[in-house]
Amino acid sequence: MSPHFCKVGKIKPNVNKLLSLKELENRIANFVEDVSKIDLPESYKSASI
């Protein structure tokens, strides 16, 4: 394999896009809160059980 095309060890993660654990927990909590506010018709609620 030609080293010309080898990218092992040369690609760095984008640190700006990585989330901290606290930020991830906040996003999940906000998502769960938003989902719980959705008002579904009764026919959907009984069909999902």
PDB file of N, CA and C in Angstrom:
ATOM      1  N   MET A   1       0.847  -1.175   0.000  1.00  0.00           N
ATOM      2  CA  MET A   1       0.000   0.000   0.000  1.00  0.00           C
ATOM      3  C   MET A   1       0.891   1.236   0.000  1.00  0.00           C
ATOM      4  N   SER A   2       0.583   2.129  -0.837  1.00  0.00           N
ATOM      5  CA  SER A   2       1.381   3.348  -0.946  1.00  0.00           C
ATOM      6  C   SER A   2       1.105   4.274   0.240  1.00  0.00           C
ATOM      7  N   PRO A   3       2.169   4.785   0.891  1.00  0.00           N
ATOM      8  CA  PRO A   3       1.964   5.691   2.023  1.00  0.00           C
ATOM      9  C   PRO A   3       1.349   7.017   1.591  1.00  0.00           C
ATOM     10  N   HIS A   4       1.305   7.256   0.285  1.00  0.00           N
ATOM     11  CA  HIS A   4       0.723   8.490  -0.239  1.00  0.00           C
ATOM     12  C   HIS A   4      -0.759   8.617   0.132  1.00  0.00           C
ATOM     13  N   PHE A   5      -1.468   7.489   0.153  1.00  0.00           N
ATOM     14  CA  PHE A   5      -2.901   7.505   0.423  1.00  0.00           C
ATOM     15  C   PHE A   5      -3.240   7.135   1.871  1.00  0.00           C
ATOM     16  N   CYS A   6      -2.249   6.864   2.697  1.00  0.00           N
ATOM     17  CA  CYS A   6      -2.489   6.435   4.064  1.00  0.00           C
ATOM     18  C   CYS A   6      -2.846   7.635   4.941  1.00  0.00           C
ATOM     19  N   LYS A   7      -3.987   7.575   5.626  1.00  0.00           N
ATOM     20  CA  LYS A   7      -4.429   8.674   6.482  1.00  0.00           C
ATOM     21  C   LYS A   7      -4.396   8.305   7.961  1.00  0.00           C
ATOM     22  N   VAL A   8      -3.857   7.129   8.286  1.00  0.00           N
ATOM     23  CA  VAL A   8      -3.832   6.683   9.670  1.00  0.00           C
ATOM     24  C   VAL A   8      -2.953   7.619  10.492  1.00  0.00           C
ATOM     25  N   GLY A   9      -3.512   8.154  11.544  1.00  0.00           N
ATOM     26  CA  GLY A   9      -2.763   9.037  12.422  1.00  0.00           C
ATOM     27  C   GLY A   9      -2.699  10.469  11.958  1.00  0.00           C
ATOM     28  N   LYS A  10      -3.206  10.772  10.778  1.00  0.00           N
ATOM     29  CA  LYS A  10      -3.146  12.128  10.249  1.00  0.00           C
ATOM     30  C   LYS A  10      -4.464  12.880  10.435  1.00  0.00           C
ATOM     31  N   ILE A  11      -5.555  12.146  10.659  1.00  0.00           N
ATOM     32  CA  ILE A  11      -6.868  12.784  10.816  1.00  0.00           C
ATOM     33  C   ILE A  11      -7.086  13.094  12.284  1.00  0.00           C
ATOM     34  N   LYS A  12      -7.370  14.317  12.574  1.00  0.00           N
ATOM     35  CA  LYS A  12      -7.609  14.747  13.951  1.00  0.00           C
ATOM     36  C   LYS A  12      -9.105  14.983  14.141  1.00  0.00           C
ATOM     37  N   PRO A  13      -9.671  14.613  15.288  1.00  0.00           N
ATOM     38  CA  PRO A  13     -11.089  14.885  15.525  1.00  0.00           C
ATOM     39  C   PRO A  13     -11.335  16.375  15.664  1.00  0.00           C
ATOM     40  N   ASN A  14     -12.516  16.799  15.240  1.00  0.00           N
ATOM     41  CA  ASN A  14     -12.888  18.200  15.363  1.00  0.00           C
ATOM     42  C   ASN A  14     -13.331  18.444  16.806  1.00  0.00           C
ATOM     43  N   VAL A  15     -12.456  19.047  17.598  1.00  0.00           N
ATOM     44  CA  VAL A  15     -12.717  19.248  19.022  1.00  0.00           C
ATOM     45  C   VAL A  15     -13.892  20.194  19.238  1.00  0.00           C
ATOM     46  N   ASN A  16     -14.123  21.098  18.306  1.00  0.00           N
ATOM     47  CA  ASN A  16     -15.230  22.050  18.452  1.00  0.00           C
ATOM     48  C   ASN A  16     -16.582  21.360  18.399  1.00  0.00           C
ATOM     49  N   LYS A  17     -16.671  20.225  17.713  1.00  0.00           N
ATOM     50  CA  LYS A  17     -17.943  19.532  17.576  1.00  0.00           C
ATOM     51  C   LYS A  17     -18.187  18.523  18.687  1.00  0.00           C
ATOM     52  N   LEU A  18     -17.176  18.193  19.479  1.00  0.00           N
ATOM     53  CA  LEU A  18     -17.354  17.229  20.557  1.00  0.00           C
ATOM     54  C   LEU A  18     -18.161  17.864  21.679  1.00  0.00           C
ATOM     55  N   LEU A  19     -19.083  17.107  22.239  1.00  0.00           N
ATOM     56  CA  LEU A  19     -19.923  17.612  23.311  1.00  0.00           C
ATOM     57  C   LEU A  19     -19.402  17.124  24.654  1.00  0.00           C
ATOM     58  N   SER A  20     -19.543  17.965  25.620  1.00  0.00           N
ATOM     59  CA  SER A  20     -19.218  17.514  26.963  1.00  0.00           C
ATOM     60  C   SER A  20     -20.360  16.639  27.465  1.00  0.00           C
ATOM     61  N   LEU A  21     -20.101  15.876  28.491  1.00  0.00           N
ATOM     62  CA  LEU A  21     -21.129  14.998  29.045  1.00  0.00           C
ATOM     63  C   LEU A  21     -22.309  15.816  29.562  1.00  0.00           C
ATOM     64  N   LYS A  22     -22.026  16.947  30.190  1.00  0.00           N
ATOM     65  CA  LYS A  22     -23.089  17.793  30.737  1.00  0.00           C
ATOM     66  C   LYS A  22     -23.983  18.324  29.611  1.00  0.00           C
ATOM     67  N   GLU A  23     -23.375  18.750  28.508  1.00  0.00           N
ATOM     68  CA  GLU A  23     -24.147  19.255  27.371  1.00  0.00           C
ATOM     69  C   GLU A  23     -25.011  18.145  26.780  1.00  0.00           C
ATOM     70  N   LEU A  24     -24.474  16.939  26.691  1.00  0.00           N
ATOM     71  CA  LEU A  24     -25.234  15.805  26.171  1.00  0.00           C
ATOM     72  C   LEU A  24     -26.416  15.492  27.078  1.00  0.00           C
ATOM     73  N   GLU A  25     -26.194  15.514  28.391  1.00  0.00           N
ATOM     74  CA  GLU A  25     -27.284  15.275  29.341  1.00  0.00           C
ATOM     75  C   GLU A  25     -28.369  16.342  29.201  1.00  0.00           C
ATOM     76  N   ASN A  26     -27.972  17.583  29.020  1.00  0.00           N
ATOM     77  CA  ASN A  26     -28.949  18.662  28.843  1.00  0.00           C
ATOM     78  C   ASN A  26     -29.771  18.471  27.572  1.00  0.00           C
ATOM     79  N   ARG A  27     -29.108  18.075  26.494  1.00  0.00           N
ATOM     80  CA  ARG A  27     -29.839  17.858  25.232  1.00  0.00           C
ATOM     81  C   ARG A  27     -30.842  16.710  25.354  1.00  0.00           C
ATOM     82  N   ILE A  28     -30.420  15.634  26.009  1.00  0.00           N
ATOM     83  CA  ILE A  28     -31.326  14.492  26.191  1.00  0.00           C
ATOM     84  C   ILE A  28     -32.509  14.890  27.060  1.00  0.00           C
ATOM     85  N   ALA A  29     -32.244  15.628  28.146  1.00  0.00           N
ATOM     86  CA  ALA A  29     -33.324  16.062  29.035  1.00  0.00           C
ATOM     87  C   ALA A  29     -34.300  16.962  28.293  1.00  0.00           C
ATOM     88  N   ASN A  30     -33.793  17.871  27.484  1.00  0.00           N
ATOM     89  CA  ASN A  30     -34.666  18.759  26.705  1.00  0.00           C
ATOM     90  C   ASN A  30     -35.489  17.968  25.698  1.00  0.00           C
ATOM     91  N   PHE A  31     -34.875  16.969  25.072  1.00  0.00           N
ATOM     92  CA  PHE A  31     -35.585  16.146  24.099  1.00  0.00           C
ATOM     93  C   PHE A  31     -36.713  15.376  24.771  1.00  0.00           C
ATOM     94  N   VAL A  32     -36.425  14.759  25.908  1.00  0.00           N
ATOM     95  CA  VAL A  32     -37.439  13.985  26.628  1.00  0.00           C
ATOM     96  C   VAL A  32     -38.567  14.900  27.070  1.00  0.00           C
ATOM     97  N   GLU A  33     -38.225  16.091  27.528  1.00  0.00           N
ATOM     98  CA  GLU A  33     -39.244  17.051  27.956  1.00  0.00           C
ATOM     99  C   GLU A  33     -40.119  17.468  26.778  1.00  0.00           C
ATOM    100  N   ASP A  34     -39.504  17.721  25.620  1.00  0.00           N
ATOM    101  CA  ASP A  34     -40.273  18.109  24.435  1.00  0.00           C
ATOM    102  C   ASP A  34     -41.182  16.982  23.963  1.00  0.00           C
ATOM    103  N   VAL A  35     -40.686  15.753  23.995  1.00  0.00           N
ATOM    104  CA  VAL A  35     -41.485  14.603  23.546  1.00  0.00           C
ATOM    105  C   VAL A  35     -42.673  14.387  24.478  1.00  0.00           C
ATOM    106  N   SER A  36     -42.470  14.609  25.766  1.00  0.00           N
ATOM    107  CA  SER A  36     -43.562  14.392  26.705  1.00  0.00           C
ATOM    108  C   SER A  36     -44.664  15.442  26.549  1.00  0.00           C
ATOM    109  N   LYS A  37     -44.360  16.549  25.903  1.00  0.00           N
ATOM    110  CA  LYS A  37     -45.361  17.607  25.694  1.00  0.00           C
ATOM    111  C   LYS A  37     -46.229  17.350  24.467  1.00  0.00           C
ATOM    112  N   ILE A  38     -45.831  16.397  23.620  1.00  0.00           N
ATOM    113  CA  ILE A  38     -46.592  16.121  22.405  1.00  0.00           C
ATOM    114  C   ILE A  38     -47.926  15.498  22.787  1.00  0.00           C
ATOM    115  N   ASP A  39     -48.980  16.050  22.244  1.00  0.00           N
ATOM    116  CA  ASP A  39     -50.323  15.565  22.542  1.00  0.00           C
ATOM    117  C   ASP A  39     -50.812  14.720  21.370  1.00  0.00           C
ATOM    118  N   LEU A  40     -50.783  13.413  21.553  1.00  0.00           N
ATOM    119  CA  LEU A  40     -51.207  12.503  20.498  1.00  0.00           C
ATOM    120  C   LEU A  40     -52.685  12.173  20.644  1.00  0.00           C
ATOM    121  N   PRO A  41     -53.364  11.930  19.525  1.00  0.00           N
ATOM    122  CA  PRO A  41     -54.757  11.482  19.598  1.00  0.00           C
ATOM    123  C   PRO A  41     -54.865  10.148  20.323  1.00  0.00           C
ATOM    124  N   GLU A  42     -55.996   9.866  20.883  1.00  0.00           N
ATOM    125  CA  GLU A  42     -56.202   8.659  21.683  1.00  0.00           C
ATOM    126  C   GLU A  42     -55.971   7.382  20.862  1.00  0.00           C
ATOM    127  N   SER A  43     -56.270   7.427  19.559  1.00  0.00           N
ATOM    128  CA  SER A  43     -56.090   6.240  18.735  1.00  0.00           C
ATOM    129  C   SER A  43     -54.620   5.835  18.638  1.00  0.00           C
ATOM    130  N   TYR A  44     -53.709   6.789  18.622  1.00  0.00           N
ATOM    131  CA  TYR A  44     -52.279   6.468  18.601  1.00  0.00           C
ATOM    132  C   TYR A  44     -51.818   5.911  19.931  1.00  0.00           C
ATOM    133  N   LYS A  45     -52.322   6.435  21.020  1.00  0.00           N
ATOM    134  CA  LYS A  45     -51.908   5.985  22.340  1.00  0.00           C
ATOM    135  C   LYS A  45     -52.309   4.535  22.573  1.00  0.00           C
ATOM    136  N   SER A  46     -53.524   4.157  22.167  1.00  0.00           N
ATOM    137  CA  SER A  46     -53.991   2.788  22.413  1.00  0.00           C
ATOM    138  C   SER A  46     -53.319   1.811  21.448  1.00  0.00           C
ATOM    139  N   ALA A  47     -52.903   2.263  20.261  1.00  0.00           N
ATOM    140  CA  ALA A  47     -52.287   1.377  19.294  1.00  0.00           C
ATOM    141  C   ALA A  47     -50.843   1.044  19.667  1.00  0.00           C
ATOM    142  N   SER A  48     -50.203   1.900  20.436  1.00  0.00           N
ATOM    143  CA  SER A  48     -48.801   1.668  20.755  1.00  0.00           C
ATOM    144  C   SER A  48     -48.610   0.705  21.912  1.00  0.00           C
ATOM    145  N   ILE A  49     -49.668   0.360  22.618  1.00  0.00           N
ATOM    146  CA  ILE A  49     -49.547  -0.541  23.767  1.00  0.00           C
ATOM    147  C   ILE A  49     -49.550  -1.977  23.316  1.00  0.00           C
TER     148      ILE A  49
END
